């Protein structure tokens, strides 16, 4: 009996993950149909959010590097799209990154 419940739970989880991925892909396609930058910024925001979520869990050094890389690539993609839309928005993105780096270096959390 317990094996059937475990199989059903796995099937339900797999179906949920598939529907989530399919829904996210549909949202990206719809946003990209409106404007290429809307889809690109949404995808890069998702990558940045995934990297930030990885940092919240206690992890190994490799996962921390992967998280930092995902956040860096995601934020660089967002900044590149904003530069393409309007240079002043790109400058704002770079300025926000510089301010965040300064806050991280000035705080005690940056030493860890």
PDB file of N, CA and C in Angstrom:
ATOM      1  N   UNK A   1       0.803  -1.201   0.000  1.00  0.00           N
ATOM      2  CA  UNK A   1       0.000   0.000   0.000  1.00  0.00           C
ATOM      3  C   UNK A   1       0.847   1.268   0.000  1.00  0.00           C
ATOM      4  N   UNK A   2       1.907   1.295   0.786  1.00  0.00           N
ATOM      5  CA  UNK A   2       2.714   2.508   0.874  1.00  0.00           C
ATOM      6  C   UNK A   2       3.445   2.793  -0.442  1.00  0.00           C
ATOM      7  N   UNK A   3       3.766   1.720  -1.190  1.00  0.00           N
ATOM      8  CA  UNK A   3       4.444   1.917  -2.461  1.00  0.00           C
ATOM      9  C   UNK A   3       3.536   2.639  -3.453  1.00  0.00           C
ATOM     10  N   UNK A   4       2.248   2.303  -3.470  1.00  0.00           N
ATOM     11  CA  UNK A   4       1.315   2.962  -4.368  1.00  0.00           C
ATOM     12  C   UNK A   4       1.150   4.435  -3.995  1.00  0.00           C
ATOM     13  N   UNK A   5       1.130   4.743  -2.712  1.00  0.00           N
ATOM     14  CA  UNK A   5       1.010   6.133  -2.297  1.00  0.00           C
ATOM     15  C   UNK A   5       2.256   6.914  -2.701  1.00  0.00           C
ATOM     16  N   UNK A   6       3.414   6.311  -2.563  1.00  0.00           N
ATOM     17  CA  UNK A   6       4.646   6.981  -2.949  1.00  0.00           C
ATOM     18  C   UNK A   6       4.674   7.215  -4.457  1.00  0.00           C
ATOM     19  N   UNK A   7       4.237   6.234  -5.226  1.00  0.00           N
ATOM     20  CA  UNK A   7       4.199   6.382  -6.673  1.00  0.00           C
ATOM     21  C   UNK A   7       3.224   7.476  -7.071  1.00  0.00           C
ATOM     22  N   UNK A   8       2.077   7.509  -6.427  1.00  0.00           N
ATOM     23  CA  UNK A   8       1.105   8.562  -6.730  1.00  0.00           C
ATOM     24  C   UNK A   8       1.648   9.935  -6.362  1.00  0.00           C
ATOM     25  N   UNK A   9       2.334  10.022  -5.243  1.00  0.00           N
ATOM     26  CA  UNK A   9       2.908  11.305  -4.824  1.00  0.00           C
ATOM     27  C   UNK A   9       3.966  11.767  -5.820  1.00  0.00           C
ATOM     28  N   UNK A  10       4.790  10.833  -6.282  1.00  0.00           N
ATOM     29  CA  UNK A  10       5.801  11.187  -7.278  1.00  0.00           C
ATOM     30  C   UNK A  10       5.168  11.610  -8.594  1.00  0.00           C
ATOM     31  N   UNK A  11       4.125  10.901  -9.009  1.00  0.00           N
ATOM     32  CA  UNK A  11       3.443  11.260 -10.254  1.00  0.00           C
ATOM     33  C   UNK A  11       2.784  12.627 -10.131  1.00  0.00           C
ATOM     34  N   UNK A  12       2.193  12.881  -8.980  1.00  0.00           N
ATOM     35  CA  UNK A  12       1.550  14.188  -8.770  1.00  0.00           C
ATOM     36  C   UNK A  12       2.596  15.312  -8.775  1.00  0.00           C
ATOM     37  N   UNK A  13       3.729  15.064  -8.132  1.00  0.00           N
ATOM     38  CA  UNK A  13       4.795  16.073  -8.116  1.00  0.00           C
ATOM     39  C   UNK A  13       5.357  16.299  -9.514  1.00  0.00           C
ATOM     40  N   UNK A  14       5.562  15.232 -10.266  1.00  0.00           N
ATOM     41  CA  UNK A  14       6.066  15.361 -11.635  1.00  0.00           C
ATOM     42  C   UNK A  14       5.080  16.133 -12.509  1.00  0.00           C
ATOM     43  N   UNK A  15       3.796  15.840 -12.365  1.00  0.00           N
ATOM     44  CA  UNK A  15       2.787  16.568 -13.137  1.00  0.00           C
ATOM     45  C   UNK A  15       2.772  18.043 -12.742  1.00  0.00           C
ATOM     46  N   UNK A  16       2.919  18.328 -11.456  1.00  0.00           N
ATOM     47  CA  UNK A  16       2.948  19.713 -11.000  1.00  0.00           C
ATOM     48  C   UNK A  16       4.145  20.470 -11.546  1.00  0.00           C
ATOM     49  N   UNK A  17       5.310  19.821 -11.551  1.00  0.00           N
ATOM     50  CA  UNK A  17       6.508  20.465 -12.098  1.00  0.00           C
ATOM     51  C   UNK A  17       6.376  20.703 -13.595  1.00  0.00           C
ATOM     52  N   UNK A  18       5.788  19.723 -14.304  1.00  0.00           N
ATOM     53  CA  UNK A  18       5.587  19.876 -15.742  1.00  0.00           C
ATOM     54  C   UNK A  18       4.648  21.038 -16.034  1.00  0.00           C
ATOM     55  N   UNK A  19       3.544  21.118 -15.296  1.00  0.00           N
ATOM     56  CA  UNK A  19       2.596  22.211 -15.518  1.00  0.00           C
ATOM     57  C   UNK A  19       3.202  23.570 -15.171  1.00  0.00           C
ATOM     58  N   UNK A  20       4.026  23.616 -14.126  1.00  0.00           N
ATOM     59  CA  UNK A  20       4.693  24.862 -13.764  1.00  0.00           C
ATOM     60  C   UNK A  20       5.643  25.302 -14.878  1.00  0.00           C
ATOM     61  N   UNK A  21       6.440  24.375 -15.376  1.00  0.00           N
ATOM     62  CA  UNK A  21       7.376  24.700 -16.459  1.00  0.00           C
ATOM     63  C   UNK A  21       6.632  25.110 -17.725  1.00  0.00           C
ATOM     64  N   UNK A  22       5.558  24.413 -18.042  1.00  0.00           N
ATOM     65  CA  UNK A  22       4.782  24.740 -19.231  1.00  0.00           C
ATOM     66  C   UNK A  22       4.125  26.113 -19.091  1.00  0.00           C
ATOM     67  N   UNK A  23       3.627  26.427 -17.912  1.00  0.00           N
ATOM     68  CA  UNK A  23       3.026  27.740 -17.674  1.00  0.00           C
ATOM     69  C   UNK A  23       4.043  28.859 -17.760  1.00  0.00           C
ATOM     70  N   UNK A  24       5.232  28.637 -17.198  1.00  0.00           N
ATOM     71  CA  UNK A  24       6.284  29.658 -17.265  1.00  0.00           C
ATOM     72  C   UNK A  24       6.729  29.871 -18.709  1.00  0.00           C
ATOM     73  N   UNK A  25       6.856  28.798 -19.461  1.00  0.00           N
ATOM     74  CA  UNK A  25       7.227  28.921 -20.869  1.00  0.00           C
ATOM     75  C   UNK A  25       6.160  29.681 -21.645  1.00  0.00           C
ATOM     76  N   UNK A  26       4.904  29.395 -21.374  1.00  0.00           N
ATOM     77  CA  UNK A  26       3.816  30.116 -22.037  1.00  0.00           C
ATOM     78  C   UNK A  26       3.835  31.601 -21.721  1.00  0.00           C
ATOM     79  N   UNK A  27       4.122  31.941 -20.461  1.00  0.00           N
ATOM     80  CA  UNK A  27       4.203  33.350 -20.073  1.00  0.00           C
ATOM     81  C   UNK A  27       5.361  34.040 -20.792  1.00  0.00           C
ATOM     82  N   UNK A  28       6.504  33.364 -20.892  1.00  0.00           N
ATOM     83  CA  UNK A  28       7.651  33.948 -21.597  1.00  0.00           C
ATOM     84  C   UNK A  28       7.361  34.154 -23.079  1.00  0.00           C
ATOM     85  N   UNK A  29       6.692  33.195 -23.692  1.00  0.00           N
ATOM     86  CA  UNK A  29       6.355  33.320 -25.113  1.00  0.00           C
ATOM     87  C   UNK A  29       5.367  34.466 -25.318  1.00  0.00           C
ATOM     88  N   UNK A  30       4.380  34.575 -24.427  1.00  0.00           N
ATOM     89  CA  UNK A  30       3.396  35.651 -24.561  1.00  0.00           C
ATOM     90  C   UNK A  30       4.052  37.015 -24.370  1.00  0.00           C
ATOM     91  N   UNK A  31       4.925  37.137 -23.384  1.00  0.00           N
ATOM     92  CA  UNK A  31       5.612  38.407 -23.177  1.00  0.00           C
ATOM     93  C   UNK A  31       6.548  38.737 -24.336  1.00  0.00           C
ATOM     94  N   UNK A  32       7.198  37.726 -24.875  1.00  0.00           N
ATOM     95  CA  UNK A  32       8.090  37.957 -26.015  1.00  0.00           C
ATOM     96  C   UNK A  32       7.308  38.372 -27.252  1.00  0.00           C
ATOM     97  N   UNK A  33       6.074  37.914 -27.368  1.00  0.00           N
ATOM     98  CA  UNK A  33       5.249  38.331 -28.506  1.00  0.00           C
ATOM     99  C   UNK A  33       4.885  39.807 -28.391  1.00  0.00           C
ATOM    100  N   UNK A  34       4.753  40.298 -27.163  1.00  0.00           N
ATOM    101  CA  UNK A  34       4.478  41.719 -26.969  1.00  0.00           C
ATOM    102  C   UNK A  34       5.695  42.569 -27.290  1.00  0.00           C
ATOM    103  N   UNK A  35       6.839  42.195 -26.716  1.00  0.00           N
ATOM    104  CA  UNK A  35       8.088  42.917 -26.966  1.00  0.00           C
ATOM    105  C   UNK A  35       9.232  41.997 -26.564  1.00  0.00           C
ATOM    106  N   UNK A  36      10.292  41.982 -27.369  1.00  0.00           N
ATOM    107  CA  UNK A  36      11.402  41.059 -27.094  1.00  0.00           C
ATOM    108  C   UNK A  36      12.025  41.334 -25.737  1.00  0.00           C
ATOM    109  N   UNK A  37      12.097  42.583 -25.331  1.00  0.00           N
ATOM    110  CA  UNK A  37      12.737  42.908 -24.059  1.00  0.00           C
ATOM    111  C   UNK A  37      11.906  42.439 -22.874  1.00  0.00           C
ATOM    112  N   UNK A  38      10.582  42.430 -23.018  1.00  0.00           N
ATOM    113  CA  UNK A  38       9.732  41.971 -21.918  1.00  0.00           C
ATOM    114  C   UNK A  38       9.998  40.495 -21.610  1.00  0.00           C
ATOM    115  N   UNK A  39      10.101  39.685 -22.646  1.00  0.00           N
ATOM    116  CA  UNK A  39      10.405  38.272 -22.442  1.00  0.00           C
ATOM    117  C   UNK A  39      11.809  38.051 -21.905  1.00  0.00           C
ATOM    118  N   UNK A  40      12.778  38.795 -22.439  1.00  0.00           N
ATOM    119  CA  UNK A  40      14.169  38.633 -22.002  1.00  0.00           C
ATOM    120  C   UNK A  40      14.351  39.078 -20.554  1.00  0.00           C
ATOM    121  N   UNK A  41      13.749  40.192 -20.193  1.00  0.00           N
ATOM    122  CA  UNK A  41      13.880  40.674 -18.816  1.00  0.00           C
ATOM    123  C   UNK A  41      13.186  39.722 -17.849  1.00  0.00           C
ATOM    124  N   UNK A  42      12.046  39.162 -18.237  1.00  0.00           N
ATOM    125  CA  UNK A  42      11.357  38.201 -17.384  1.00  0.00           C
ATOM    126  C   UNK A  42      12.195  36.943 -17.190  1.00  0.00           C
ATOM    127  N   UNK A  43      12.810  36.456 -18.260  1.00  0.00           N
ATOM    128  CA  UNK A  43      13.659  35.267 -18.143  1.00  0.00           C
ATOM    129  C   UNK A  43      14.878  35.540 -17.260  1.00  0.00           C
ATOM    130  N   UNK A  44      15.488  36.692 -17.441  1.00  0.00           N
ATOM    131  CA  UNK A  44      16.652  37.038 -16.616  1.00  0.00           C
ATOM    132  C   UNK A  44      16.256  37.278 -15.156  1.00  0.00           C
ATOM    133  N   UNK A  45      15.068  37.813 -14.933  1.00  0.00           N
ATOM    134  CA  UNK A  45      14.584  37.988 -13.568  1.00  0.00           C
ATOM    135  C   UNK A  45      14.357  36.637 -12.894  1.00  0.00           C
ATOM    136  N   UNK A  46      13.857  35.683 -13.651  1.00  0.00           N
ATOM    137  CA  UNK A  46      13.689  34.327 -13.116  1.00  0.00           C
ATOM    138  C   UNK A  46      15.019  33.690 -12.763  1.00  0.00           C
ATOM    139  N   UNK A  47      16.012  33.893 -13.612  1.00  0.00           N
ATOM    140  CA  UNK A  47      17.354  33.368 -13.333  1.00  0.00           C
ATOM    141  C   UNK A  47      17.945  34.024 -12.085  1.00  0.00           C
ATOM    142  N   UNK A  48      17.769  35.333 -11.956  1.00  0.00           N
ATOM    143  CA  UNK A  48      18.257  36.043 -10.779  1.00  0.00           C
ATOM    144  C   UNK A  48      17.545  35.555  -9.521  1.00  0.00           C
ATOM    145  N   UNK A  49      16.235  35.377  -9.596  1.00  0.00           N
ATOM    146  CA  UNK A  49      15.474  34.899  -8.446  1.00  0.00           C
ATOM    147  C   UNK A  49      15.894  33.483  -8.052  1.00  0.00           C
ATOM    148  N   UNK A  50      16.152  32.632  -9.037  1.00  0.00           N
ATOM    149  CA  UNK A  50      16.603  31.273  -8.725  1.00  0.00           C
ATOM    150  C   UNK A  50      17.955  31.292  -8.023  1.00  0.00           C
ATOM    151  N   UNK A  51      18.841  32.157  -8.483  1.00  0.00           N
ATOM    152  CA  UNK A  51      20.140  32.285  -7.824  1.00  0.00           C
ATOM    153  C   UNK A  51      20.017  32.793  -6.399  1.00  0.00           C
ATOM    154  N   UNK A  52      19.122  33.745  -6.188  1.00  0.00           N
ATOM    155  CA  UNK A  52      18.918  34.259  -4.828  1.00  0.00           C
ATOM    156  C   UNK A  52      18.290  33.208  -3.920  1.00  0.00           C
ATOM    157  N   UNK A  53      17.397  32.380  -4.462  1.00  0.00           N
ATOM    158  CA  UNK A  53      16.795  31.312  -3.645  1.00  0.00           C
ATOM    159  C   UNK A  53      17.824  30.254  -3.269  1.00  0.00           C
ATOM    160  N   UNK A  54      18.782  29.998  -4.151  1.00  0.00           N
ATOM    161  CA  UNK A  54      19.837  29.036  -3.823  1.00  0.00           C
ATOM    162  C   UNK A  54      20.704  29.530  -2.676  1.00  0.00           C
ATOM    163  N   UNK A  55      20.887  30.837  -2.572  1.00  0.00           N
ATOM    164  CA  UNK A  55      21.736  31.399  -1.518  1.00  0.00           C
ATOM    165  C   UNK A  55      21.099  31.270  -0.140  1.00  0.00           C
ATOM    166  N   UNK A  56      19.784  31.132  -0.068  1.00  0.00           N
ATOM    167  CA  UNK A  56      19.102  31.081   1.219  1.00  0.00           C
ATOM    168  C   UNK A  56      19.287  29.749   1.929  1.00  0.00           C
ATOM    169  N   UNK A  57      19.596  28.707   1.198  1.00  0.00           N
ATOM    170  CA  UNK A  57      19.745  27.384   1.811  1.00  0.00           C
ATOM    171  C   UNK A  57      21.204  27.144   2.182  1.00  0.00           C
ATOM    172  N   UNK A  58      21.445  26.470   3.292  1.00  0.00           N
ATOM    173  CA  UNK A  58      22.834  26.126   3.614  1.00  0.00           C
ATOM    174  C   UNK A  58      23.368  25.151   2.559  1.00  0.00           C
ATOM    175  N   UNK A  59      24.523  25.457   2.007  1.00  0.00           N
ATOM    176  CA  UNK A  59      24.990  24.670   0.878  1.00  0.00           C
ATOM    177  C   UNK A  59      26.511  24.606   0.844  1.00  0.00           C
ATOM    178  N   UNK A  60      26.992  23.873  -0.137  1.00  0.00           N
ATOM    179  CA  UNK A  60      28.427  23.719  -0.321  1.00  0.00           C
ATOM    180  C   UNK A  60      28.987  24.913  -1.086  1.00  0.00           C
ATOM    181  N   UNK A  61      30.291  24.928  -1.215  1.00  0.00           N
ATOM    182  CA  UNK A  61      30.964  26.025  -1.914  1.00  0.00           C
ATOM    183  C   UNK A  61      30.578  26.058  -3.391  1.00  0.00           C
ATOM    184  N   UNK A  62      30.414  24.894  -3.993  1.00  0.00           N
ATOM    185  CA  UNK A  62      30.038  24.825  -5.405  1.00  0.00           C
ATOM    186  C   UNK A  62      28.658  25.407  -5.662  1.00  0.00           C
ATOM    187  N   UNK A  63      27.713  25.138  -4.763  1.00  0.00           N
ATOM    188  CA  UNK A  63      26.362  25.679  -4.915  1.00  0.00           C
ATOM    189  C   UNK A  63      26.371  27.193  -4.722  1.00  0.00           C
ATOM    190  N   UNK A  64      27.203  27.671  -3.802  1.00  0.00           N
ATOM    191  CA  UNK A  64      27.312  29.121  -3.612  1.00  0.00           C
ATOM    192  C   UNK A  64      27.881  29.795  -4.860  1.00  0.00           C
ATOM    193  N   UNK A  65      28.861  29.158  -5.500  1.00  0.00           N
ATOM    194  CA  UNK A  65      29.422  29.709  -6.738  1.00  0.00           C
ATOM    195  C   UNK A  65      28.373  29.681  -7.862  1.00  0.00           C
ATOM    196  N   UNK A  66      27.618  28.598  -7.947  1.00  0.00           N
ATOM    197  CA  UNK A  66      26.558  28.498  -8.942  1.00  0.00           C
ATOM    198  C   UNK A  66      25.506  29.579  -8.712  1.00  0.00           C
ATOM    199  N   UNK A  67      25.163  29.806  -7.456  1.00  0.00           N
ATOM    200  CA  UNK A  67      24.188  30.839  -7.107  1.00  0.00           C
ATOM    201  C   UNK A  67      24.695  32.221  -7.500  1.00  0.00           C
ATOM    202  N   UNK A  68      25.935  32.519  -7.167  1.00  0.00           N
ATOM    203  CA  UNK A  68      26.506  33.822  -7.513  1.00  0.00           C
ATOM    204  C   UNK A  68      26.579  33.996  -9.029  1.00  0.00           C
ATOM    205  N   UNK A  69      26.908  32.933  -9.745  1.00  0.00           N
ATOM    206  CA  UNK A  69      26.947  33.002 -11.205  1.00  0.00           C
ATOM    207  C   UNK A  69      25.572  33.251 -11.804  1.00  0.00           C
ATOM    208  N   UNK A  70      24.548  32.584 -11.274  1.00  0.00           N
ATOM    209  CA  UNK A  70      23.188  32.779 -11.781  1.00  0.00           C
ATOM    210  C   UNK A  70      22.713  34.202 -11.529  1.00  0.00           C
ATOM    211  N   UNK A  71      22.994  34.729 -10.348  1.00  0.00           N
ATOM    212  CA  UNK A  71      22.599  36.104 -10.037  1.00  0.00           C
ATOM    213  C   UNK A  71      23.356  37.078 -10.941  1.00  0.00           C
ATOM    214  N   UNK A  72      24.646  36.843 -11.132  1.00  0.00           N
ATOM    215  CA  UNK A  72      25.449  37.730 -11.976  1.00  0.00           C
ATOM    216  C   UNK A  72      24.994  37.726 -13.425  1.00  0.00           C
ATOM    217  N   UNK A  73      24.769  36.551 -13.980  1.00  0.00           N
ATOM    218  CA  UNK A  73      24.328  36.456 -15.373  1.00  0.00           C
ATOM    219  C   UNK A  73      22.931  37.044 -15.528  1.00  0.00           C
ATOM    220  N   UNK A  74      22.058  36.751 -14.574  1.00  0.00           N
ATOM    221  CA  UNK A  74      20.700  37.292 -14.646  1.00  0.00           C
ATOM    222  C   UNK A  74      20.682  38.808 -14.579  1.00  0.00           C
ATOM    223  N   UNK A  75      21.432  39.369 -13.639  1.00  0.00           N
ATOM    224  CA  UNK A  75      21.446  40.824 -13.503  1.00  0.00           C
ATOM    225  C   UNK A  75      22.131  41.486 -14.700  1.00  0.00           C
ATOM    226  N   UNK A  76      23.174  40.849 -15.231  1.00  0.00           N
ATOM    227  CA  UNK A  76      23.825  41.383 -16.429  1.00  0.00           C
ATOM    228  C   UNK A  76      22.861  41.371 -17.617  1.00  0.00           C
ATOM    229  N   UNK A  77      22.061  40.327 -17.730  1.00  0.00           N
ATOM    230  CA  UNK A  77      21.069  40.267 -18.806  1.00  0.00           C
ATOM    231  C   UNK A  77      20.009  41.338 -18.673  1.00  0.00           C
ATOM    232  N   UNK A  78      19.535  41.554 -17.435  1.00  0.00           N
ATOM    233  CA  UNK A  78      18.551  42.610 -17.202  1.00  0.00           C
ATOM    234  C   UNK A  78      19.148  43.968 -17.556  1.00  0.00           C
ATOM    235  N   UNK A  79      20.378  44.202 -17.133  1.00  0.00           N
ATOM    236  CA  UNK A  79      21.027  45.486 -17.403  1.00  0.00           C
ATOM    237  C   UNK A  79      21.253  45.677 -18.902  1.00  0.00           C
ATOM    238  N   UNK A  80      21.636  44.626 -19.615  1.00  0.00           N
ATOM    239  CA  UNK A  80      21.831  44.734 -21.067  1.00  0.00           C
ATOM    240  C   UNK A  80      20.515  45.067 -21.771  1.00  0.00           C
ATOM    241  N   UNK A  81      19.429  44.440 -21.331  1.00  0.00           N
ATOM    242  CA  UNK A  81      18.127  44.746 -21.951  1.00  0.00           C
ATOM    243  C   UNK A  81      17.698  46.177 -21.665  1.00  0.00           C
ATOM    244  N   UNK A  82      17.956  46.642 -20.464  1.00  0.00           N
ATOM    245  CA  UNK A  82      17.566  48.014 -20.156  1.00  0.00           C
ATOM    246  C   UNK A  82      18.428  49.017 -20.917  1.00  0.00           C
ATOM    247  N   UNK A  83      19.707  48.709 -21.120  1.00  0.00           N
ATOM    248  CA  UNK A  83      20.537  49.575 -21.966  1.00  0.00           C
ATOM    249  C   UNK A  83      19.992  49.614 -23.392  1.00  0.00           C
ATOM    250  N   UNK A  84      19.519  48.473 -23.887  1.00  0.00           N
ATOM    251  CA  UNK A  84      18.984  48.426 -25.245  1.00  0.00           C
ATOM    252  C   UNK A  84      17.691  49.230 -25.358  1.00  0.00           C
ATOM    253  N   UNK A  85      16.882  49.240 -24.299  1.00  0.00           N
ATOM    254  CA  UNK A  85      15.634  49.993 -24.331  1.00  0.00           C
ATOM    255  C   UNK A  85      15.874  51.488 -24.188  1.00  0.00           C
ATOM    256  N   UNK A  86      16.663  51.855 -23.200  1.00  0.00           N
ATOM    257  CA  UNK A  86      16.940  53.272 -22.963  1.00  0.00           C
ATOM    258  C   UNK A  86      18.232  53.357 -22.158  1.00  0.00           C
ATOM    259  N   UNK A  87      19.237  54.063 -22.640  1.00  0.00           N
ATOM    260  CA  UNK A  87      20.525  54.110 -21.944  1.00  0.00           C
ATOM    261  C   UNK A  87      20.444  54.608 -20.496  1.00  0.00           C
ATOM    262  N   UNK A  88      19.529  55.505 -20.221  1.00  0.00           N
ATOM    263  CA  UNK A  88      19.416  55.994 -18.840  1.00  0.00           C
ATOM    264  C   UNK A  88      18.972  54.880 -17.893  1.00  0.00           C
ATOM    265  N   UNK A  89      18.108  53.978 -18.369  1.00  0.00           N
ATOM    266  CA  UNK A  89      17.706  52.837 -17.541  1.00  0.00           C
ATOM    267  C   UNK A  89      18.892  51.902 -17.292  1.00  0.00           C
ATOM    268  N   UNK A  90      19.733  51.727 -18.287  1.00  0.00           N
ATOM    269  CA  UNK A  90      20.927  50.901 -18.115  1.00  0.00           C
ATOM    270  C   UNK A  90      21.884  51.491 -17.100  1.00  0.00           C
ATOM    271  N   UNK A  91      22.060  52.807 -17.157  1.00  0.00           N
ATOM    272  CA  UNK A  91      22.916  53.480 -16.181  1.00  0.00           C
ATOM    273  C   UNK A  91      22.330  53.321 -14.775  1.00  0.00           C
ATOM    274  N   UNK A  92      21.013  53.388 -14.668  1.00  0.00           N
ATOM    275  CA  UNK A  92      20.357  53.172 -13.381  1.00  0.00           C
ATOM    276  C   UNK A  92      20.636  51.760 -12.856  1.00  0.00           C
ATOM    277  N   UNK A  93      20.581  50.773 -13.742  1.00  0.00           N
ATOM    278  CA  UNK A  93      20.873  49.400 -13.331  1.00  0.00           C
ATOM    279  C   UNK A  93      22.297  49.223 -12.845  1.00  0.00           C
ATOM    280  N   UNK A  94      23.248  49.822 -13.544  1.00  0.00           N
ATOM    281  CA  UNK A  94      24.649  49.742 -13.127  1.00  0.00           C
ATOM    282  C   UNK A  94      24.846  50.475 -11.800  1.00  0.00           C
ATOM    283  N   UNK A  95      24.186  51.613 -11.642  1.00  0.00           N
ATOM    284  CA  UNK A  95      24.307  52.372 -10.393  1.00  0.00           C
ATOM    285  C   UNK A  95      23.732  51.594  -9.213  1.00  0.00           C
ATOM    286  N   UNK A  96      22.610  50.913  -9.423  1.00  0.00           N
ATOM    287  CA  UNK A  96      22.031  50.099  -8.358  1.00  0.00           C
ATOM    288  C   UNK A  96      22.947  48.938  -7.982  1.00  0.00           C
ATOM    289  N   UNK A  97      23.584  48.341  -8.968  1.00  0.00           N
ATOM    290  CA  UNK A  97      24.523  47.252  -8.675  1.00  0.00           C
ATOM    291  C   UNK A  97      25.721  47.769  -7.885  1.00  0.00           C
ATOM    292  N   UNK A  98      26.211  48.954  -8.243  1.00  0.00           N
ATOM    293  CA  UNK A  98      27.342  49.532  -7.507  1.00  0.00           C
ATOM    294  C   UNK A  98      26.942  49.858  -6.069  1.00  0.00           C
ATOM    295  N   UNK A  99      25.735  50.385  -5.885  1.00  0.00           N
ATOM    296  CA  UNK A  99      25.258  50.695  -4.532  1.00  0.00           C
ATOM    297  C   UNK A  99      25.089  49.420  -3.708  1.00  0.00           C
ATOM    298  N   UNK A 100      24.560  48.362  -4.327  1.00  0.00           N
ATOM    299  CA  UNK A 100      24.393  47.095  -3.610  1.00  0.00           C
ATOM    300  C   UNK A 100      25.749  46.495  -3.241  1.00  0.00           C
ATOM    301  N   UNK A 101      26.724  46.592  -4.133  1.00  0.00           N
ATOM    302  CA  UNK A 101      28.066  46.092  -3.824  1.00  0.00           C
ATOM    303  C   UNK A 101      28.685  46.886  -2.690  1.00  0.00           C
ATOM    304  N   UNK A 102      28.475  48.195  -2.692  1.00  0.00           N
ATOM    305  CA  UNK A 102      28.991  49.020  -1.599  1.00  0.00           C
ATOM    306  C   UNK A 102      28.357  48.669  -0.273  1.00  0.00           C
ATOM    307  N   UNK A 103      27.048  48.427  -0.271  1.00  0.00           N
ATOM    308  CA  UNK A 103      26.376  48.022   0.966  1.00  0.00           C
ATOM    309  C   UNK A 103      26.863  46.661   1.453  1.00  0.00           C
ATOM    310  N   UNK A 104      27.106  45.754   0.516  1.00  0.00           N
ATOM    311  CA  UNK A 104      27.592  44.432   0.899  1.00  0.00           C
ATOM    312  C   UNK A 104      28.992  44.518   1.505  1.00  0.00           C
ATOM    313  N   UNK A 105      29.852  45.345   0.939  1.00  0.00           N
ATOM    314  CA  UNK A 105      31.203  45.494   1.464  1.00  0.00           C
ATOM    315  C   UNK A 105      31.199  46.224   2.808  1.00  0.00           C
ATOM    316  N   UNK A 106      30.259  47.122   3.009  1.00  0.00           N
ATOM    317  CA  UNK A 106      30.208  47.887   4.252  1.00  0.00           C
ATOM    318  C   UNK A 106      29.563  47.116   5.402  1.00  0.00           C
ATOM    319  N   UNK A 107      28.818  46.054   5.090  1.00  0.00           N
ATOM    320  CA  UNK A 107      28.127  45.309   6.145  1.00  0.00           C
ATOM    321  C   UNK A 107      28.980  44.156   6.644  1.00  0.00           C
ATOM    322  N   UNK A 108      28.563  43.583   7.750  1.00  0.00           N
ATOM    323  CA  UNK A 108      29.268  42.427   8.312  1.00  0.00           C
ATOM    324  C   UNK A 108      28.964  41.154   7.537  1.00  0.00           C
ATOM    325  N   UNK A 109      27.833  41.102   6.804  1.00  0.00           N
ATOM    326  CA  UNK A 109      27.459  39.905   6.064  1.00  0.00           C
ATOM    327  C   UNK A 109      28.392  39.633   4.892  1.00  0.00           C
ATOM    328  N   UNK A 110      29.032  40.667   4.370  1.00  0.00           N
ATOM    329  CA  UNK A 110      29.926  40.489   3.231  1.00  0.00           C
ATOM    330  C   UNK A 110      31.199  39.749   3.604  1.00  0.00           C
ATOM    331  N   UNK A 111      31.539  39.713   4.904  1.00  0.00           N
ATOM    332  CA  UNK A 111      32.768  39.069   5.341  1.00  0.00           C
ATOM    333  C   UNK A 111      32.625  37.550   5.393  1.00  0.00           C
ATOM    334  N   UNK A 112      31.403  37.045   5.426  1.00  0.00           N
ATOM    335  CA  UNK A 112      31.180  35.598   5.582  1.00  0.00           C
ATOM    336  C   UNK A 112      31.430  34.824   4.354  1.00  0.00           C
TER     337      UNK A 112
END
